[in-house]
C-alpha atoms as a PDB file:
ATOM      1  CA  UNK A   1      74.545 112.923 127.085  1.00  0.00           C
ATOM      2  CA  UNK A   2      77.705 113.830 125.359  1.00  0.00           C
ATOM      3  CA  UNK A   3      79.644 113.262 128.460  1.00  0.00           C
ATOM      4  CA  UNK A   4      78.781 109.961 129.004  1.00  0.00           C
ATOM      5  CA  UNK A   5      79.572 109.035 124.934  1.00  0.00           C
ATOM      6  CA  UNK A   6      83.123 110.916 125.733  1.00  0.00           C
ATOM      7  CA  UNK A   7      83.300 108.576 128.828  1.00  0.00           C
ATOM      8  CA  UNK A   8      82.322 105.659 126.916  1.00  0.00           C
ATOM      9  CA  UNK A   9      84.759 106.254 123.802  1.00  0.00           C
ATOM     10  CA  UNK A  10      87.447 107.026 126.366  1.00  0.00           C
ATOM     11  CA  UNK A  11      86.859 103.632 127.906  1.00  0.00           C
ATOM     12  CA  UNK A  12      86.665 101.706 124.841  1.00  0.00           C
ATOM     13  CA  UNK A  13      90.296 103.335 123.746  1.00  0.00           C
ATOM     14  CA  UNK A  14      91.949 103.436 126.505  1.00  0.00           C
ATOM     15  CA  UNK A  15      91.457  99.982 128.435  1.00  0.00           C
ATOM     16  CA  UNK A  16      91.977  96.993 126.867  1.00  0.00           C
ATOM     17  CA  UNK A  17      89.398  95.159 129.072  1.00  0.00           C
ATOM     18  CA  UNK A  18      86.702  97.092 127.339  1.00  0.00           C
ATOM     19  CA  UNK A  19      87.826  96.934 123.842  1.00  0.00           C
ATOM     20  CA  UNK A  20      85.936  94.634 121.232  1.00  0.00           C
ATOM     21  CA  UNK A  21      87.535  91.845 120.195  1.00  0.00           C
ATOM     22  CA  UNK A  22      88.309  93.065 116.751  1.00  0.00           C
ATOM     23  CA  UNK A  23      88.608  96.043 114.578  1.00  0.00           C
ATOM     24  CA  UNK A  24      85.626  94.893 112.227  1.00  0.00           C
ATOM     25  CA  UNK A  25      82.840  96.846 110.957  1.00  0.00           C
ATOM     26  CA  UNK A  26      80.587  94.842 113.281  1.00  0.00           C
ATOM     27  CA  UNK A  27      82.388  95.968 116.154  1.00  0.00           C
ATOM     28  CA  UNK A  28      82.414  99.594 115.336  1.00  0.00           C
ATOM     29  CA  UNK A  29      78.779  99.507 114.861  1.00  0.00           C
ATOM     30  CA  UNK A  30      77.812  97.425 117.754  1.00  0.00           C
ATOM     31  CA  UNK A  31      80.488  99.037 120.447  1.00  0.00           C
ATOM     32  CA  UNK A  32      81.372 102.697 119.077  1.00  0.00           C
ATOM     33  CA  UNK A  33      78.413 103.710 117.313  1.00  0.00           C
ATOM     34  CA  UNK A  34      75.966 104.097 120.292  1.00  0.00           C
ATOM     35  CA  UNK A  35      78.526 106.178 122.047  1.00  0.00           C
ATOM     36  CA  UNK A  36      79.640 108.283 118.675  1.00  0.00           C
ATOM     37  CA  UNK A  37      75.554 108.774 118.793  1.00  0.00           C
ATOM     38  CA  UNK A  38      75.472 109.621 122.150  1.00  0.00           C
ATOM     39  CA  UNK A  39      78.384 112.391 121.288  1.00  0.00           C
ATOM     40  CA  UNK A  40      76.321 113.893 118.400  1.00  0.00           C
ATOM     41  CA  UNK A  41      72.739 114.217 120.397  1.00  0.00           C
ATOM     42  CA  UNK A  42      74.397 115.626 123.013  1.00  0.00           C
ATOM     43  CA  UNK A  43      76.088 118.291 120.856  1.00  0.00           C
ATOM     44  CA  UNK A  44      73.083 118.692 118.782  1.00  0.00           C
ATOM     45  CA  UNK A  45      71.099 120.410 121.757  1.00  0.00           C
ATOM     46  CA  UNK A  46      67.160 120.762 122.252  1.00  0.00           C
ATOM     47  CA  UNK A  47      65.017 123.421 120.169  1.00  0.00           C
ATOM     48  CA  UNK A  48      66.321 126.746 121.379  1.00  0.00           C
ATOM     49  CA  UNK A  49      69.147 125.449 123.252  1.00  0.00           C
ATOM     50  CA  UNK A  50      72.677 125.508 121.879  1.00  0.00           C
ATOM     51  CA  UNK A  51      75.185 123.815 124.714  1.00  0.00           C
ATOM     52  CA  UNK A  52      78.103 125.842 125.294  1.00  0.00           C
ATOM     53  CA  UNK A  53      80.275 122.961 123.827  1.00  0.00           C
ATOM     54  CA  UNK A  54      78.414 123.345 120.312  1.00  0.00           C
ATOM     55  CA  UNK A  55      78.617 126.772 120.300  1.00  0.00           C
ATOM     56  CA  UNK A  56      82.742 127.250 120.854  1.00  0.00           C
ATOM     57  CA  UNK A  57      82.932 124.348 118.278  1.00  0.00           C
ATOM     58  CA  UNK A  58      80.417 126.658 115.908  1.00  0.00           C
ATOM     59  CA  UNK A  59      83.533 128.908 115.251  1.00  0.00           C
ATOM     60  CA  UNK A  60      85.268 125.977 113.103  1.00  0.00           C
ATOM     61  CA  UNK A  61      82.100 125.624 110.773  1.00  0.00           C
ATOM     62  CA  UNK A  62      84.358 127.255 108.163  1.00  0.00           C
ATOM     63  CA  UNK A  63      86.397 123.731 107.931  1.00  0.00           C
ATOM     64  CA  UNK A  64      83.278 121.922 106.904  1.00  0.00           C
ATOM     65  CA  UNK A  65      84.612 122.025 103.036  1.00  0.00           C
ATOM     66  CA  UNK A  66      87.908 121.060 103.863  1.00  0.00           C
ATOM     67  CA  UNK A  67      86.629 117.769 106.013  1.00  0.00           C
ATOM     68  CA  UNK A  68      84.741 116.698 102.936  1.00  0.00           C
ATOM     69  CA  UNK A  69      87.897 117.403 100.522  1.00  0.00           C
ATOM     70  CA  UNK A  70      90.076 115.227 103.126  1.00  0.00           C
ATOM     71  CA  UNK A  71      87.488 112.255 103.093  1.00  0.00           C
ATOM     72  CA  UNK A  72      87.607 112.715  99.096  1.00  0.00           C
ATOM     73  CA  UNK A  73      91.284 112.778  98.704  1.00  0.00           C
ATOM     74  CA  UNK A  74      92.449 110.627 101.656  1.00  0.00           C
ATOM     75  CA  UNK A  75      93.366 107.514  99.762  1.00  0.00           C
ATOM     76  CA  UNK A  76      94.434 109.046  96.729  1.00  0.00           C
ATOM     77  CA  UNK A  77      96.769 110.967  98.677  1.00  0.00           C
ATOM     78  CA  UNK A  78      98.047 107.552 100.723  1.00  0.00           C
ATOM     79  CA  UNK A  79      98.452 106.114  97.121  1.00  0.00           C
ATOM     80  CA  UNK A  80     100.597 108.904  95.834  1.00  0.00           C
ATOM     81  CA  UNK A  81     102.386 108.880  99.548  1.00  0.00           C
ATOM     82  CA  UNK A  82     105.907 107.355  98.633  1.00  0.00           C
ATOM     83  CA  UNK A  83     105.898 104.909 101.909  1.00  0.00           C
ATOM     84  CA  UNK A  84     103.589 102.617 103.005  1.00  0.00           C
ATOM     85  CA  UNK A  85     103.162 103.706 106.374  1.00  0.00           C
ATOM     86  CA  UNK A  86     102.272 107.610 107.365  1.00  0.00           C
ATOM     87  CA  UNK A  87     103.449 109.917 109.825  1.00  0.00           C
ATOM     88  CA  UNK A  88     102.777 113.805 110.418  1.00  0.00           C
ATOM     89  CA  UNK A  89     104.058 114.950 107.251  1.00  0.00           C
ATOM     90  CA  UNK A  90     101.345 112.885 105.474  1.00  0.00           C
ATOM     91  CA  UNK A  91      98.716 114.652 107.231  1.00  0.00           C
ATOM     92  CA  UNK A  92     100.287 118.002 106.203  1.00  0.00           C
ATOM     93  CA  UNK A  93     100.372 116.700 102.503  1.00  0.00           C
ATOM     94  CA  UNK A  94      96.741 115.468 102.830  1.00  0.00           C
ATOM     95  CA  UNK A  95      95.769 118.926 104.307  1.00  0.00           C
ATOM     96  CA  UNK A  96      97.584 120.619 101.269  1.00  0.00           C
ATOM     97  CA  UNK A  97      95.587 118.562  98.725  1.00  0.00           C
ATOM     98  CA  UNK A  98      92.447 119.315 100.245  1.00  0.00           C
ATOM     99  CA  UNK A  99      92.875 122.967 100.372  1.00  0.00           C
ATOM    100  CA  UNK A 100      93.781 122.958  96.504  1.00  0.00           C
ATOM    101  CA  UNK A 101      90.948 120.379  96.043  1.00  0.00           C
ATOM    102  CA  UNK A 102      88.264 122.873  97.801  1.00  0.00           C
ATOM    103  CA  UNK A 103      89.806 126.144  96.133  1.00  0.00           C
ATOM    104  CA  UNK A 104      90.317 124.491  92.332  1.00  0.00           C
ATOM    105  CA  UNK A 105      87.388 122.109  92.251  1.00  0.00           C
ATOM    106  CA  UNK A 106      84.625 122.417  94.692  1.00  0.00           C
ATOM    107  CA  UNK A 107      84.080 126.238  95.063  1.00  0.00           C
ATOM    108  CA  UNK A 108      84.487 126.522  91.254  1.00  0.00           C
ATOM    109  CA  UNK A 109      81.775 124.291  90.939  1.00  0.00           C
ATOM    110  CA  UNK A 110      79.429 125.645  93.317  1.00  0.00           C
ATOM    111  CA  UNK A 111      79.438 129.063  91.805  1.00  0.00           C
ATOM    112  CA  UNK A 112      79.065 127.535  88.260  1.00  0.00           C
ATOM    113  CA  UNK A 113      76.193 125.746  89.750  1.00  0.00           C
ATOM    114  CA  UNK A 114      74.597 128.872  91.251  1.00  0.00           C
ATOM    115  CA  UNK A 115      74.979 130.986  88.046  1.00  0.00           C
ATOM    116  CA  UNK A 116      73.259 128.212  85.859  1.00  0.00           C
ATOM    117  CA  UNK A 117      70.868 127.153  88.297  1.00  0.00           C
ATOM    118  CA  UNK A 118      67.862 128.508  86.133  1.00  0.00           C
ATOM    119  CA  UNK A 119      69.955 127.954  83.203  1.00  0.00           C
ATOM    120  CA  UNK A 120      69.088 125.237  80.214  1.00  0.00           C
ATOM    121  CA  UNK A 121      72.626 124.566  80.541  1.00  0.00           C
ATOM    122  CA  UNK A 122      72.560 123.270  83.990  1.00  0.00           C
ATOM    123  CA  UNK A 123      71.057 119.823  83.216  1.00  0.00           C
ATOM    124  CA  UNK A 124      74.041 119.487  80.817  1.00  0.00           C
ATOM    125  CA  UNK A 125      76.723 120.842  83.369  1.00  0.00           C
ATOM    126  CA  UNK A 126      75.545 118.490  86.000  1.00  0.00           C
ATOM    127  CA  UNK A 127      75.445 115.365  83.723  1.00  0.00           C
ATOM    128  CA  UNK A 128      78.767 115.974  82.566  1.00  0.00           C
ATOM    129  CA  UNK A 129      80.354 115.740  85.924  1.00  0.00           C
ATOM    130  CA  UNK A 130      79.973 112.099  86.440  1.00  0.00           C
ATOM    131  CA  UNK A 131      81.761 111.715  82.896  1.00  0.00           C
ATOM    132  CA  UNK A 132      84.495 114.010  84.083  1.00  0.00           C
ATOM    133  CA  UNK A 133      84.736 112.268  87.214  1.00  0.00           C
ATOM    134  CA  UNK A 134      85.168 108.835  85.252  1.00  0.00           C
ATOM    135  CA  UNK A 135      87.597 109.991  83.490  1.00  0.00           C
ATOM    136  CA  UNK A 136      89.739 111.221  86.420  1.00  0.00           C
ATOM    137  CA  UNK A 137      89.298 108.159  88.127  1.00  0.00           C
ATOM    138  CA  UNK A 138      90.624 106.423  84.890  1.00  0.00           C
ATOM    139  CA  UNK A 139      93.622 108.644  84.747  1.00  0.00           C
ATOM    140  CA  UNK A 140      94.720 108.004  88.330  1.00  0.00           C
ATOM    141  CA  UNK A 141      94.341 104.151  87.915  1.00  0.00           C
ATOM    142  CA  UNK A 142      97.291 104.789  85.566  1.00  0.00           C
ATOM    143  CA  UNK A 143      99.372 106.113  88.680  1.00  0.00           C
ATOM    144  CA  UNK A 144     102.232 103.590  89.966  1.00  0.00           C
ATOM    145  CA  UNK A 145     101.843 101.598  92.540  1.00  0.00           C
ATOM    146  CA  UNK A 146     104.047 101.282  95.615  1.00  0.00           C
ATOM    147  CA  UNK A 147     104.827  97.789  97.216  1.00  0.00           C
ATOM    148  CA  UNK A 148     103.618  97.762 100.708  1.00  0.00           C
ATOM    149  CA  UNK A 149     106.431  97.372 103.039  1.00  0.00           C
ATOM    150  CA  UNK A 150     105.940  95.193 105.935  1.00  0.00           C
ATOM    151  CA  UNK A 151     107.521  95.609 109.373  1.00  0.00           C
ATOM    152  CA  UNK A 152     106.806  91.881 110.165  1.00  0.00           C
ATOM    153  CA  UNK A 153     110.117  89.824 110.519  1.00  0.00           C
ATOM    154  CA  UNK A 154     111.026  87.287 107.876  1.00  0.00           C
ATOM    155  CA  UNK A 155     112.225  84.720 110.408  1.00  0.00           C
ATOM    156  CA  UNK A 156     110.860  84.394 113.927  1.00  0.00           C
ATOM    157  CA  UNK A 157     111.949  81.882 116.511  1.00  0.00           C
ATOM    158  CA  UNK A 158     109.081  80.466 118.699  1.00  0.00           C
ATOM    159  CA  UNK A 159     110.589  77.963 120.569  1.00  0.00           C
ATOM    160  CA  UNK A 160     113.546  75.530 120.343  1.00  0.00           C
ATOM    161  CA  UNK A 161     112.711  73.953 116.612  1.00  0.00           C
ATOM    162  CA  UNK A 162     109.278  76.083 115.963  1.00  0.00           C
ATOM    163  CA  UNK A 163     109.717  78.835 113.346  1.00  0.00           C
ATOM    164  CA  UNK A 164     107.280  81.434 112.090  1.00  0.00           C
ATOM    165  CA  UNK A 165     108.608  82.274 108.374  1.00  0.00           C
ATOM    166  CA  UNK A 166     107.193  84.880 105.924  1.00  0.00           C
ATOM    167  CA  UNK A 167     106.477  83.589 102.903  1.00  0.00           C
ATOM    168  CA  UNK A 168     107.391  85.328  99.634  1.00  0.00           C
ATOM    169  CA  UNK A 169     103.684  84.526  98.040  1.00  0.00           C
ATOM    170  CA  UNK A 170     102.067  87.103  95.956  1.00  0.00           C
ATOM    171  CA  UNK A 171      98.769  86.485  94.219  1.00  0.00           C
ATOM    172  CA  UNK A 172      98.831  86.038  90.226  1.00  0.00           C
ATOM    173  CA  UNK A 173      98.368  88.908  88.340  1.00  0.00           C
ATOM    174  CA  UNK A 174      97.912  91.232  91.622  1.00  0.00           C
ATOM    175  CA  UNK A 175      98.955  94.789  90.619  1.00  0.00           C
ATOM    176  CA  UNK A 176      97.761  96.752  93.531  1.00  0.00           C
ATOM    177  CA  UNK A 177     100.039  95.291  95.970  1.00  0.00           C
ATOM    178  CA  UNK A 178      97.980  92.600  97.762  1.00  0.00           C
ATOM    179  CA  UNK A 179      99.306  89.622  99.156  1.00  0.00           C
ATOM    180  CA  UNK A 180      98.694  85.978  99.780  1.00  0.00           C
ATOM    181  CA  UNK A 181      98.131  85.063 103.047  1.00  0.00           C
ATOM    182  CA  UNK A 182      99.192  81.672 103.929  1.00  0.00           C
ATOM    183  CA  UNK A 183      97.665  80.002 106.868  1.00  0.00           C
ATOM    184  CA  UNK A 184      99.280  76.702 106.150  1.00  0.00           C
ATOM    185  CA  UNK A 185     101.507  74.926 108.864  1.00  0.00           C
ATOM    186  CA  UNK A 186     104.519  72.980 108.050  1.00  0.00           C
ATOM    187  CA  UNK A 187     106.348  70.572 110.326  1.00  0.00           C
ATOM    188  CA  UNK A 188     109.631  69.147 109.827  1.00  0.00           C
ATOM    189  CA  UNK A 189     111.047  66.856 112.198  1.00  0.00           C
ATOM    190  CA  UNK A 190     112.293  63.570 113.678  1.00  0.00           C
END
């Protein structure tokens, strides 16, 4: 089943005729999810039987804690990154932040929970974690914002007297880099 899922994903990503009309959640759920499910179910195998691909991939199980740290920190790292567009160096930065988060936060927390599993203090430790997370998120909210840099040109000539102009409009009070999308049309002529 996994090879069929890979073939389906390959077709969707490599051939424009097989691609969904938009990169929205509905198209991901309707087109990509069945193929991804085929891959996962195919790699899971049957009871008592482990496919060779899953056996080879099991050597990478140590990456599971780092993948969760990447998932949690990706938008924080993107917010800290000095440019709107990212490249290879951003992913090196993200991986470094994930390693730091695993060794300074995740593993010490796991050890603390293991040590206090049967203790009366365990409930207070677990109850204090959401408060600490809330305080951390509030502190991260005060990091400086970076204005997104668009690669869209300011003026594009579409025809002899037709121009597409990017208007310098922003939403009032927006501090998160949001921009106002103006779908209006201005026609001037004789």
